[in-house]
């Protein structure tokens, strides 16, 4: 039976997606901090030039999508583990639905916003 709210419908696939997304985010962080350390005293034009190169646009898009997947899986796990009827009473299901919906809306909006920033130029 597939979960209606899980990312992939499988715990092991969700685990794998979360680990791969963490690696993508770590690589992105190293690349950006590496560039900042190697280009101290940079200005907006240099930063813009670096971030708008095709490799950085692609890496940034991968990082945004990884962040969305990572955040969704993590928050879904927190909600299913801690927002339970046993711990919060009969209102837990409704609260979990509201929290899950809020996360879906937020990560979707952030993903669209980030894609617009990097690819609308």
C-alpha atoms as a PDB file:
ATOM      1  CA  UNK A   1       0.000   0.000   0.000  1.00  0.00           C
ATOM      2  CA  UNK A   2       1.383   3.387  -0.964  1.00  0.00           C
ATOM      3  CA  UNK A   3       1.309   6.272   1.446  1.00  0.00           C
ATOM      4  CA  UNK A   4      -0.889   9.155   0.353  1.00  0.00           C
ATOM      5  CA  UNK A   5       1.415  11.720   1.914  1.00  0.00           C
ATOM      6  CA  UNK A   6       4.892  10.248   1.542  1.00  0.00           C
ATOM      7  CA  UNK A   7       7.229  11.554  -1.140  1.00  0.00           C
ATOM      8  CA  UNK A   8       7.848   8.314  -3.000  1.00  0.00           C
ATOM      9  CA  UNK A   9       5.482   5.861  -1.311  1.00  0.00           C
ATOM     10  CA  UNK A  10       8.398   3.860   0.065  1.00  0.00           C
ATOM     11  CA  UNK A  11      10.374   4.461   3.229  1.00  0.00           C
ATOM     12  CA  UNK A  12      13.610   3.177   1.712  1.00  0.00           C
ATOM     13  CA  UNK A  13      13.210   5.384  -1.383  1.00  0.00           C
ATOM     14  CA  UNK A  14      12.431   8.393   0.823  1.00  0.00           C
ATOM     15  CA  UNK A  15      15.556   7.614   2.872  1.00  0.00           C
ATOM     16  CA  UNK A  16      17.646   7.395  -0.316  1.00  0.00           C
ATOM     17  CA  UNK A  17      16.165  10.619  -1.756  1.00  0.00           C
ATOM     18  CA  UNK A  18      16.887  12.440   1.480  1.00  0.00           C
ATOM     19  CA  UNK A  19      20.511  11.245   1.521  1.00  0.00           C
ATOM     20  CA  UNK A  20      21.099  12.138  -2.141  1.00  0.00           C
ATOM     21  CA  UNK A  21      19.512  15.554  -1.615  1.00  0.00           C
ATOM     22  CA  UNK A  22      21.800  16.137   1.379  1.00  0.00           C
ATOM     23  CA  UNK A  23      24.838  15.385  -0.794  1.00  0.00           C
ATOM     24  CA  UNK A  24      23.631  17.790  -3.505  1.00  0.00           C
ATOM     25  CA  UNK A  25      23.105  20.515  -0.881  1.00  0.00           C
ATOM     26  CA  UNK A  26      26.564  19.863   0.598  1.00  0.00           C
ATOM     27  CA  UNK A  27      28.209  20.114  -2.841  1.00  0.00           C
ATOM     28  CA  UNK A  28      26.314  23.341  -3.561  1.00  0.00           C
ATOM     29  CA  UNK A  29      27.410  24.810  -0.226  1.00  0.00           C
ATOM     30  CA  UNK A  30      31.058  23.917  -0.849  1.00  0.00           C
ATOM     31  CA  UNK A  31      30.978  25.406  -4.366  1.00  0.00           C
ATOM     32  CA  UNK A  32      29.381  28.683  -3.243  1.00  0.00           C
ATOM     33  CA  UNK A  33      31.590  29.091  -0.146  1.00  0.00           C
ATOM     34  CA  UNK A  34      34.634  28.100  -2.179  1.00  0.00           C
ATOM     35  CA  UNK A  35      33.891  30.801  -4.727  1.00  0.00           C
ATOM     36  CA  UNK A  36      33.344  33.385  -1.966  1.00  0.00           C
ATOM     37  CA  UNK A  37      36.642  32.450  -0.288  1.00  0.00           C
ATOM     38  CA  UNK A  38      38.566  32.574  -3.566  1.00  0.00           C
ATOM     39  CA  UNK A  39      36.987  35.874  -4.657  1.00  0.00           C
ATOM     40  CA  UNK A  40      37.113  38.002  -1.526  1.00  0.00           C
ATOM     41  CA  UNK A  41      35.976  41.585  -1.986  1.00  0.00           C
ATOM     42  CA  UNK A  42      33.692  40.748  -4.898  1.00  0.00           C
ATOM     43  CA  UNK A  43      30.942  43.047  -6.054  1.00  0.00           C
ATOM     44  CA  UNK A  44      27.397  42.450  -7.271  1.00  0.00           C
ATOM     45  CA  UNK A  45      28.378  42.173 -10.927  1.00  0.00           C
ATOM     46  CA  UNK A  46      30.940  39.451 -10.170  1.00  0.00           C
ATOM     47  CA  UNK A  47      28.478  37.565  -7.963  1.00  0.00           C
ATOM     48  CA  UNK A  48      25.736  37.870 -10.578  1.00  0.00           C
ATOM     49  CA  UNK A  49      28.133  36.749 -13.294  1.00  0.00           C
ATOM     50  CA  UNK A  50      29.101  33.678 -11.278  1.00  0.00           C
ATOM     51  CA  UNK A  51      25.547  32.705 -10.283  1.00  0.00           C
ATOM     52  CA  UNK A  52      24.113  33.206 -13.780  1.00  0.00           C
ATOM     53  CA  UNK A  53      26.550  30.889 -15.560  1.00  0.00           C
ATOM     54  CA  UNK A  54      24.855  27.793 -16.953  1.00  0.00           C
ATOM     55  CA  UNK A  55      26.637  25.365 -14.570  1.00  0.00           C
ATOM     56  CA  UNK A  56      25.614  27.432 -11.529  1.00  0.00           C
ATOM     57  CA  UNK A  57      22.042  27.783 -12.795  1.00  0.00           C
ATOM     58  CA  UNK A  58      21.834  24.003 -13.162  1.00  0.00           C
ATOM     59  CA  UNK A  59      23.515  23.373  -9.787  1.00  0.00           C
ATOM     60  CA  UNK A  60      21.237  25.958  -8.157  1.00  0.00           C
ATOM     61  CA  UNK A  61      18.159  24.317  -9.676  1.00  0.00           C
ATOM     62  CA  UNK A  62      19.342  20.916  -8.415  1.00  0.00           C
ATOM     63  CA  UNK A  63      19.960  22.444  -4.983  1.00  0.00           C
ATOM     64  CA  UNK A  64      16.480  24.000  -4.858  1.00  0.00           C
ATOM     65  CA  UNK A  65      14.807  20.748  -5.926  1.00  0.00           C
ATOM     66  CA  UNK A  66      16.944  18.841  -3.415  1.00  0.00           C
ATOM     67  CA  UNK A  67      15.965  21.268  -0.672  1.00  0.00           C
ATOM     68  CA  UNK A  68      12.284  20.850  -1.548  1.00  0.00           C
ATOM     69  CA  UNK A  69      12.521  17.038  -1.465  1.00  0.00           C
ATOM     70  CA  UNK A  70      14.656  17.033   1.681  1.00  0.00           C
ATOM     71  CA  UNK A  71      12.363  19.439   3.527  1.00  0.00           C
ATOM     72  CA  UNK A  72       9.193  17.634   2.474  1.00  0.00           C
ATOM     73  CA  UNK A  73      10.448  14.203   3.559  1.00  0.00           C
ATOM     74  CA  UNK A  74      11.828  15.558   6.829  1.00  0.00           C
ATOM     75  CA  UNK A  75       8.697  17.466   7.765  1.00  0.00           C
ATOM     76  CA  UNK A  76       6.434  14.578   6.749  1.00  0.00           C
ATOM     77  CA  UNK A  77       8.431  12.311   9.063  1.00  0.00           C
ATOM     78  CA  UNK A  78       8.218  14.793  11.918  1.00  0.00           C
ATOM     79  CA  UNK A  79       4.464  15.219  11.460  1.00  0.00           C
ATOM     80  CA  UNK A  80       3.760  11.482  11.266  1.00  0.00           C
ATOM     81  CA  UNK A  81       6.018  10.743  14.250  1.00  0.00           C
ATOM     82  CA  UNK A  82       4.995  13.554  16.596  1.00  0.00           C
ATOM     83  CA  UNK A  83       1.570  14.841  15.555  1.00  0.00           C
ATOM     84  CA  UNK A  84      -0.319  11.721  16.574  1.00  0.00           C
ATOM     85  CA  UNK A  85      -3.613  10.994  18.264  1.00  0.00           C
ATOM     86  CA  UNK A  86      -1.702   9.351  21.113  1.00  0.00           C
ATOM     87  CA  UNK A  87       0.289  12.494  21.815  1.00  0.00           C
ATOM     88  CA  UNK A  88      -2.151  15.249  20.825  1.00  0.00           C
ATOM     89  CA  UNK A  89      -5.604  13.776  21.057  1.00  0.00           C
ATOM     90  CA  UNK A  90      -8.353  13.551  18.438  1.00  0.00           C
ATOM     91  CA  UNK A  91      -7.407  16.859  16.793  1.00  0.00           C
ATOM     92  CA  UNK A  92      -4.054  15.437  15.644  1.00  0.00           C
ATOM     93  CA  UNK A  93      -5.305  14.305  12.235  1.00  0.00           C
ATOM     94  CA  UNK A  94      -6.686  17.740  11.382  1.00  0.00           C
ATOM     95  CA  UNK A  95      -3.563  19.480  12.672  1.00  0.00           C
ATOM     96  CA  UNK A  96      -1.340  17.107  10.696  1.00  0.00           C
ATOM     97  CA  UNK A  97      -3.377  17.868   7.551  1.00  0.00           C
ATOM     98  CA  UNK A  98      -3.044  21.629   8.112  1.00  0.00           C
ATOM     99  CA  UNK A  99       0.701  21.399   8.805  1.00  0.00           C
ATOM    100  CA  UNK A 100       1.300  19.108   5.835  1.00  0.00           C
ATOM    101  CA  UNK A 101      -0.683  21.419   3.552  1.00  0.00           C
ATOM    102  CA  UNK A 102       1.293  24.434   4.784  1.00  0.00           C
ATOM    103  CA  UNK A 103       4.591  22.692   4.043  1.00  0.00           C
ATOM    104  CA  UNK A 104       3.432  21.652   0.568  1.00  0.00           C
ATOM    105  CA  UNK A 105       2.357  25.204  -0.249  1.00  0.00           C
ATOM    106  CA  UNK A 106       5.575  26.693   1.160  1.00  0.00           C
ATOM    107  CA  UNK A 107       8.023  24.375  -0.632  1.00  0.00           C
ATOM    108  CA  UNK A 108       6.072  24.681  -3.892  1.00  0.00           C
ATOM    109  CA  UNK A 109       6.083  28.496  -3.650  1.00  0.00           C
ATOM    110  CA  UNK A 110       9.797  28.585  -2.777  1.00  0.00           C
ATOM    111  CA  UNK A 111      10.642  26.268  -5.666  1.00  0.00           C
ATOM    112  CA  UNK A 112       8.725  28.404  -8.169  1.00  0.00           C
ATOM    113  CA  UNK A 113      10.276  31.569  -6.776  1.00  0.00           C
ATOM    114  CA  UNK A 114      13.808  30.135  -7.018  1.00  0.00           C
ATOM    115  CA  UNK A 115      13.240  28.850 -10.550  1.00  0.00           C
ATOM    116  CA  UNK A 116      11.945  32.279 -11.535  1.00  0.00           C
ATOM    117  CA  UNK A 117      15.014  33.964 -10.034  1.00  0.00           C
ATOM    118  CA  UNK A 118      17.524  31.756 -11.821  1.00  0.00           C
ATOM    119  CA  UNK A 119      15.788  31.128 -15.139  1.00  0.00           C
ATOM    120  CA  UNK A 120      13.712  34.245 -15.839  1.00  0.00           C
ATOM    121  CA  UNK A 121      16.802  36.299 -16.696  1.00  0.00           C
END
